[in-house]
Each structure stands twice: as C-alpha cells, then as structure tokens.
Amino acid sequence: MTKATDIRVKTPDELDAMLLDLKREQLNLRFQRATGQQENTSQVRKIRRDVARVKTIMAARARAAQKA
C-alpha cells in the first residue's frame, strides 16, 4: 500500500506511470481471480484504493492549477 505523502511528492509524469502500473496490476488480479489462481484476495482491495489515491491527488492538482 502506498501512502498519500509518498504519492504527493511525485511529478505528474510519475503519477501517470504509477496509475498505469496500478491499472495493469488490477487487470492481472482480475484475471487471476477469474481463473481461480488468486491466493491473496486482499490485494485487490489494496490496489483499488491505491488507484483512488493517485486519482484523487491528480484531481486536486488539476483543480489547483485551474485556480491559479
């Protein structure tokens, strides 16, 4: 699990790359669950929350840029 403070120090390009990696991992976990290979089911929830954290911080930055 990634902390929000760790995400906030990243550049926009790093956030885009991180979001892409998280989405890929989410897809892989979905395939594992569908084929019955997944052992750690809590990983799905962690990845989903990390995606939400990254998107929230990206949206906050976009709103701050619009105000400026």
PDB file of N, CA and C in Angstrom:
ATOM      1  N   MET A   1       0.839  -1.170   0.000  1.00  0.00           N
ATOM      2  CA  MET A   1       0.000   0.000   0.000  1.00  0.00           C
ATOM      3  C   MET A   1       0.887   1.237   0.000  1.00  0.00           C
ATOM      4  N   THR A   2       0.518   2.178  -0.811  1.00  0.00           N
ATOM      5  CA  THR A   2       1.279   3.404  -0.943  1.00  0.00           C
ATOM      6  C   THR A   2       0.619   4.499  -0.108  1.00  0.00           C
ATOM      7  N   LYS A   3       1.432   5.247   0.597  1.00  0.00           N
ATOM      8  CA  LYS A   3       0.892   6.338   1.396  1.00  0.00           C
ATOM      9  C   LYS A   3       0.682   7.567   0.530  1.00  0.00           C
ATOM     10  N   ALA A   4      -0.276   8.389   0.924  1.00  0.00           N
ATOM     11  CA  ALA A   4      -0.590   9.593   0.161  1.00  0.00           C
ATOM     12  C   ALA A   4       0.588  10.556   0.151  1.00  0.00           C
ATOM     13  N   THR A   5       1.350  10.608   1.238  1.00  0.00           N
ATOM     14  CA  THR A   5       2.502  11.510   1.276  1.00  0.00           C
ATOM     15  C   THR A   5       3.557  11.096   0.265  1.00  0.00           C
ATOM     16  N   ASP A   6       3.704   9.804   0.033  1.00  0.00           N
ATOM     17  CA  ASP A   6       4.652   9.324  -0.969  1.00  0.00           C
ATOM     18  C   ASP A   6       4.186   9.695  -2.378  1.00  0.00           C
ATOM     19  N   ILE A   7       2.880   9.694  -2.584  1.00  0.00           N
ATOM     20  CA  ILE A   7       2.331   9.989  -3.905  1.00  0.00           C
ATOM     21  C   ILE A   7       2.429  11.483  -4.197  1.00  0.00           C
ATOM     22  N   ARG A   8       2.229  12.311  -3.194  1.00  0.00           N
ATOM     23  CA  ARG A   8       2.215  13.765  -3.396  1.00  0.00           C
ATOM     24  C   ARG A   8       3.557  14.324  -3.855  1.00  0.00           C
ATOM     25  N   VAL A   9       4.650  13.652  -3.539  1.00  0.00           N
ATOM     26  CA  VAL A   9       5.970  14.166  -3.922  1.00  0.00           C
ATOM     27  C   VAL A   9       6.349  13.798  -5.347  1.00  0.00           C
ATOM     28  N   LYS A  10       5.542  12.991  -6.001  1.00  0.00           N
ATOM     29  CA  LYS A  10       5.848  12.559  -7.368  1.00  0.00           C
ATOM     30  C   LYS A  10       5.428  13.623  -8.388  1.00  0.00           C
ATOM     31  N   THR A  11       6.116  13.607  -9.514  1.00  0.00           N
ATOM     32  CA  THR A  11       5.793  14.517 -10.601  1.00  0.00           C
ATOM     33  C   THR A  11       4.562  13.992 -11.347  1.00  0.00           C
ATOM     34  N   PRO A  12       3.912  14.841 -12.146  1.00  0.00           N
ATOM     35  CA  PRO A  12       2.744  14.373 -12.912  1.00  0.00           C
ATOM     36  C   PRO A  12       3.054  13.183 -13.826  1.00  0.00           C
ATOM     37  N   ASP A  13       4.252  13.174 -14.428  1.00  0.00           N
ATOM     38  CA  ASP A  13       4.625  12.047 -15.289  1.00  0.00           C
ATOM     39  C   ASP A  13       4.764  10.766 -14.474  1.00  0.00           C
ATOM     40  N   GLU A  14       5.340  10.873 -13.293  1.00  0.00           N
ATOM     41  CA  GLU A  14       5.487   9.702 -12.422  1.00  0.00           C
ATOM     42  C   GLU A  14       4.120   9.204 -11.959  1.00  0.00           C
ATOM     43  N   LEU A  15       3.197  10.134 -11.716  1.00  0.00           N
ATOM     44  CA  LEU A  15       1.847   9.735 -11.318  1.00  0.00           C
ATOM     45  C   LEU A  15       1.137   8.997 -12.445  1.00  0.00           C
ATOM     46  N   ASP A  16       1.312   9.478 -13.678  1.00  0.00           N
ATOM     47  CA  ASP A  16       0.707   8.790 -14.825  1.00  0.00           C
ATOM     48  C   ASP A  16       1.256   7.368 -14.966  1.00  0.00           C
ATOM     49  N   ALA A  17       2.561   7.237 -14.806  1.00  0.00           N
ATOM     50  CA  ALA A  17       3.186   5.916 -14.907  1.00  0.00           C
ATOM     51  C   ALA A  17       2.726   5.009 -13.781  1.00  0.00           C
ATOM     52  N   MET A  18       2.621   5.575 -12.590  1.00  0.00           N
ATOM     53  CA  MET A  18       2.179   4.796 -11.434  1.00  0.00           C
ATOM     54  C   MET A  18       0.739   4.324 -11.623  1.00  0.00           C
ATOM     55  N   LEU A  19      -0.112   5.210 -12.142  1.00  0.00           N
ATOM     56  CA  LEU A  19      -1.509   4.847 -12.385  1.00  0.00           C
ATOM     57  C   LEU A  19      -1.603   3.737 -13.429  1.00  0.00           C
ATOM     58  N   LEU A  20      -0.795   3.826 -14.464  1.00  0.00           N
ATOM     59  CA  LEU A  20      -0.792   2.793 -15.495  1.00  0.00           C
ATOM     60  C   LEU A  20      -0.359   1.445 -14.916  1.00  0.00           C
ATOM     61  N   ASP A  21       0.674   1.455 -14.085  1.00  0.00           N
ATOM     62  CA  ASP A  21       1.139   0.217 -13.453  1.00  0.00           C
ATOM     63  C   ASP A  21       0.071  -0.376 -12.537  1.00  0.00           C
ATOM     64  N   LEU A  22      -0.593   0.482 -11.779  1.00  0.00           N
ATOM     65  CA  LEU A  22      -1.635   0.004 -10.876  1.00  0.00           C
ATOM     66  C   LEU A  22      -2.810  -0.589 -11.659  1.00  0.00           C
ATOM     67  N   LYS A  23      -3.166   0.038 -12.759  1.00  0.00           N
ATOM     68  CA  LYS A  23      -4.257  -0.481 -13.591  1.00  0.00           C
ATOM     69  C   LYS A  23      -3.886  -1.841 -14.184  1.00  0.00           C
ATOM     70  N   ARG A  24      -2.616  -1.970 -14.589  1.00  0.00           N
ATOM     71  CA  ARG A  24      -2.147  -3.258 -15.114  1.00  0.00           C
ATOM     72  C   ARG A  24      -2.223  -4.345 -14.045  1.00  0.00           C
ATOM     73  N   GLU A  25      -1.780  -3.990 -12.849  1.00  0.00           N
ATOM     74  CA  GLU A  25      -1.822  -4.941 -11.743  1.00  0.00           C
ATOM     75  C   GLU A  25      -3.265  -5.318 -11.408  1.00  0.00           C
ATOM     76  N   GLN A  26      -4.155  -4.350 -11.471  1.00  0.00           N
ATOM     77  CA  GLN A  26      -5.560  -4.607 -11.210  1.00  0.00           C
ATOM     78  C   GLN A  26      -6.127  -5.583 -12.238  1.00  0.00           C
ATOM     79  N   LEU A  27      -5.748  -5.404 -13.495  1.00  0.00           N
ATOM     80  CA  LEU A  27      -6.202  -6.306 -14.546  1.00  0.00           C
ATOM     81  C   LEU A  27      -5.668  -7.722 -14.313  1.00  0.00           C
ATOM     82  N   ASN A  28      -4.380  -7.822 -13.959  1.00  0.00           N
ATOM     83  CA  ASN A  28      -3.793  -9.130 -13.689  1.00  0.00           C
ATOM     84  C   ASN A  28      -4.492  -9.825 -12.527  1.00  0.00           C
ATOM     85  N   LEU A  29      -4.827  -9.075 -11.488  1.00  0.00           N
ATOM     86  CA  LEU A  29      -5.518  -9.664 -10.342  1.00  0.00           C
ATOM     87  C   LEU A  29      -6.918 -10.126 -10.718  1.00  0.00           C
ATOM     88  N   ARG A  30      -7.569  -9.374 -11.601  1.00  0.00           N
ATOM     89  CA  ARG A  30      -8.905  -9.794 -12.055  1.00  0.00           C
ATOM     90  C   ARG A  30      -8.829 -11.104 -12.816  1.00  0.00           C
ATOM     91  N   PHE A  31      -7.803 -11.236 -13.681  1.00  0.00           N
ATOM     92  CA  PHE A  31      -7.626 -12.486 -14.419  1.00  0.00           C
ATOM     93  C   PHE A  31      -7.316 -13.638 -13.474  1.00  0.00           C
ATOM     94  N   GLN A  32      -6.481 -13.391 -12.478  1.00  0.00           N
ATOM     95  CA  GLN A  32      -6.153 -14.436 -11.506  1.00  0.00           C
ATOM     96  C   GLN A  32      -7.402 -14.889 -10.756  1.00  0.00           C
ATOM     97  N   ARG A  33      -8.247 -13.931 -10.382  1.00  0.00           N
ATOM     98  CA  ARG A  33      -9.455 -14.289  -9.652  1.00  0.00           C
ATOM     99  C   ARG A  33     -10.392 -15.092 -10.543  1.00  0.00           C
ATOM    100  N   ALA A  34     -10.480 -14.716 -11.816  1.00  0.00           N
ATOM    101  CA  ALA A  34     -11.378 -15.397 -12.742  1.00  0.00           C
ATOM    102  C   ALA A  34     -10.927 -16.831 -13.009  1.00  0.00           C
ATOM    103  N   THR A  35      -9.615 -17.061 -12.998  1.00  0.00           N
ATOM    104  CA  THR A  35      -9.115 -18.404 -13.276  1.00  0.00           C
ATOM    105  C   THR A  35      -8.887 -19.221 -12.005  1.00  0.00           C
ATOM    106  N   GLY A  36      -9.148 -18.620 -10.856  1.00  0.00           N
ATOM    107  CA  GLY A  36      -9.011 -19.352  -9.598  1.00  0.00           C
ATOM    108  C   GLY A  36      -7.586 -19.464  -9.108  1.00  0.00           C
ATOM    109  N   GLN A  37      -6.673 -18.635  -9.598  1.00  0.00           N
ATOM    110  CA  GLN A  37      -5.270 -18.712  -9.205  1.00  0.00           C
ATOM    111  C   GLN A  37      -4.928 -17.765  -8.065  1.00  0.00           C
ATOM    112  N   GLN A  38      -5.834 -16.869  -7.722  1.00  0.00           N
ATOM    113  CA  GLN A  38      -5.521 -15.841  -6.736  1.00  0.00           C
ATOM    114  C   GLN A  38      -5.559 -16.403  -5.320  1.00  0.00           C
ATOM    115  N   GLU A  39      -4.483 -16.145  -4.592  1.00  0.00           N
ATOM    116  CA  GLU A  39      -4.405 -16.614  -3.210  1.00  0.00           C
ATOM    117  C   GLU A  39      -4.662 -15.479  -2.228  1.00  0.00           C
ATOM    118  N   ASN A  40      -4.133 -14.300  -2.524  1.00  0.00           N
ATOM    119  CA  ASN A  40      -4.263 -13.169  -1.620  1.00  0.00           C
ATOM    120  C   ASN A  40      -5.365 -12.245  -2.132  1.00  0.00           C
ATOM    121  N   THR A  41      -6.586 -12.447  -1.665  1.00  0.00           N
ATOM    122  CA  THR A  41      -7.719 -11.676  -2.164  1.00  0.00           C
ATOM    123  C   THR A  41      -7.710 -10.240  -1.664  1.00  0.00           C
ATOM    124  N   SER A  42      -7.003  -9.959  -0.593  1.00  0.00           N
ATOM    125  CA  SER A  42      -6.962  -8.588  -0.075  1.00  0.00           C
ATOM    126  C   SER A  42      -6.153  -7.668  -0.982  1.00  0.00           C
ATOM    127  N   GLN A  43      -5.352  -8.237  -1.848  1.00  0.00           N
ATOM    128  CA  GLN A  43      -4.533  -7.439  -2.765  1.00  0.00           C
ATOM    129  C   GLN A  43      -5.411  -6.615  -3.705  1.00  0.00           C
ATOM    130  N   VAL A  44      -6.568  -7.151  -4.091  1.00  0.00           N
ATOM    131  CA  VAL A  44      -7.477  -6.445  -4.996  1.00  0.00           C
ATOM    132  C   VAL A  44      -7.916  -5.135  -4.354  1.00  0.00           C
ATOM    133  N   ARG A  45      -8.279  -5.191  -3.104  1.00  0.00           N
ATOM    134  CA  ARG A  45      -8.741  -4.009  -2.379  1.00  0.00           C
ATOM    135  C   ARG A  45      -7.624  -2.970  -2.236  1.00  0.00           C
ATOM    136  N   LYS A  46      -6.415  -3.432  -1.952  1.00  0.00           N
ATOM    137  CA  LYS A  46      -5.285  -2.521  -1.789  1.00  0.00           C
ATOM    138  C   LYS A  46      -4.984  -1.786  -3.091  1.00  0.00           C
ATOM    139  N   ILE A  47      -4.987  -2.505  -4.195  1.00  0.00           N
ATOM    140  CA  ILE A  47      -4.703  -1.899  -5.491  1.00  0.00           C
ATOM    141  C   ILE A  47      -5.796  -0.898  -5.848  1.00  0.00           C
ATOM    142  N   ARG A  48      -7.048  -1.260  -5.603  1.00  0.00           N
ATOM    143  CA  ARG A  48      -8.162  -0.373  -5.910  1.00  0.00           C
ATOM    144  C   ARG A  48      -8.053   0.938  -5.121  1.00  0.00           C
ATOM    145  N   ARG A  49      -7.660   0.837  -3.871  1.00  0.00           N
ATOM    146  CA  ARG A  49      -7.512   2.036  -3.045  1.00  0.00           C
ATOM    147  C   ARG A  49      -6.313   2.874  -3.467  1.00  0.00           C
ATOM    148  N   ASP A  50      -5.234   2.219  -3.893  1.00  0.00           N
ATOM    149  CA  ASP A  50      -4.074   2.964  -4.387  1.00  0.00           C
ATOM    150  C   ASP A  50      -4.433   3.739  -5.656  1.00  0.00           C
ATOM    151  N   VAL A  51      -5.225   3.119  -6.527  1.00  0.00           N
ATOM    152  CA  VAL A  51      -5.673   3.801  -7.741  1.00  0.00           C
ATOM    153  C   VAL A  51      -6.483   5.040  -7.355  1.00  0.00           C
ATOM    154  N   ALA A  52      -7.353   4.882  -6.380  1.00  0.00           N
ATOM    155  CA  ALA A  52      -8.173   6.008  -5.936  1.00  0.00           C
ATOM    156  C   ALA A  52      -7.308   7.117  -5.344  1.00  0.00           C
ATOM    157  N   ARG A  53      -6.277   6.757  -4.594  1.00  0.00           N
ATOM    158  CA  ARG A  53      -5.373   7.760  -4.021  1.00  0.00           C
ATOM    159  C   ARG A  53      -4.680   8.573  -5.106  1.00  0.00           C
ATOM    160  N   VAL A  54      -4.162   7.875  -6.101  1.00  0.00           N
ATOM    161  CA  VAL A  54      -3.453   8.550  -7.187  1.00  0.00           C
ATOM    162  C   VAL A  54      -4.406   9.473  -7.947  1.00  0.00           C
ATOM    163  N   LYS A  55      -5.599   8.983  -8.262  1.00  0.00           N
ATOM    164  CA  LYS A  55      -6.558   9.794  -9.000  1.00  0.00           C
ATOM    165  C   LYS A  55      -6.994  11.017  -8.193  1.00  0.00           C
ATOM    166  N   THR A  56      -7.161  10.856  -6.893  1.00  0.00           N
ATOM    167  CA  THR A  56      -7.564  11.963  -6.037  1.00  0.00           C
ATOM    168  C   THR A  56      -6.504  13.050  -6.026  1.00  0.00           C
ATOM    169  N   ILE A  57      -5.253  12.662  -5.901  1.00  0.00           N
ATOM    170  CA  ILE A  57      -4.169  13.637  -5.868  1.00  0.00           C
ATOM    171  C   ILE A  57      -4.016  14.316  -7.227  1.00  0.00           C
ATOM    172  N   MET A  58      -4.189  13.561  -8.303  1.00  0.00           N
ATOM    173  CA  MET A  58      -4.116  14.162  -9.635  1.00  0.00           C
ATOM    174  C   MET A  58      -5.246  15.173  -9.830  1.00  0.00           C
ATOM    175  N   ALA A  59      -6.440  14.853  -9.362  1.00  0.00           N
ATOM    176  CA  ALA A  59      -7.576  15.760  -9.495  1.00  0.00           C
ATOM    177  C   ALA A  59      -7.377  17.018  -8.654  1.00  0.00           C
ATOM    178  N   ALA A  60      -6.828  16.863  -7.474  1.00  0.00           N
ATOM    179  CA  ALA A  60      -6.565  18.015  -6.611  1.00  0.00           C
ATOM    180  C   ALA A  60      -5.553  18.949  -7.255  1.00  0.00           C
ATOM    181  N   ARG A  61      -4.539  18.378  -7.871  1.00  0.00           N
ATOM    182  CA  ARG A  61      -3.550  19.204  -8.564  1.00  0.00           C
ATOM    183  C   ARG A  61      -4.158  19.937  -9.748  1.00  0.00           C
ATOM    184  N   ALA A  62      -5.060  19.262 -10.465  1.00  0.00           N
ATOM    185  CA  ALA A  62      -5.703  19.882 -11.616  1.00  0.00           C
ATOM    186  C   ALA A  62      -6.592  21.048 -11.166  1.00  0.00           C
ATOM    187  N   ARG A  63      -7.304  20.864 -10.053  1.00  0.00           N
ATOM    188  CA  ARG A  63      -8.150  21.942  -9.538  1.00  0.00           C
ATOM    189  C   ARG A  63      -7.287  23.121  -9.084  1.00  0.00           C
ATOM    190  N   ALA A  64      -6.151  22.829  -8.449  1.00  0.00           N
ATOM    191  CA  ALA A  64      -5.254  23.899  -8.008  1.00  0.00           C
ATOM    192  C   ALA A  64      -4.677  24.662  -9.193  1.00  0.00           C
ATOM    193  N   ALA A  65      -4.402  23.960 -10.278  1.00  0.00           N
ATOM    194  CA  ALA A  65      -3.845  24.607 -11.466  1.00  0.00           C
ATOM    195  C   ALA A  65      -4.889  25.506 -12.136  1.00  0.00           C
ATOM    196  N   GLN A  66      -6.151  25.092 -12.079  1.00  0.00           N
ATOM    197  CA  GLN A  66      -7.214  25.901 -12.678  1.00  0.00           C
ATOM    198  C   GLN A  66      -7.437  27.194 -11.896  1.00  0.00           C
ATOM    199  N   LYS A  67      -7.296  27.122 -10.579  1.00  0.00           N
ATOM    200  CA  LYS A  67      -7.481  28.318  -9.746  1.00  0.00           C
ATOM    201  C   LYS A  67      -6.357  29.325  -9.962  1.00  0.00           C
ATOM    202  N   ALA A  68      -5.184  28.827 -10.256  1.00  0.00           N
ATOM    203  CA  ALA A  68      -4.022  29.729 -10.402  1.00  0.00           C
ATOM    204  C   ALA A  68      -3.987  30.421 -11.752  1.00  0.00           C
TER     205      ALA A  68
END
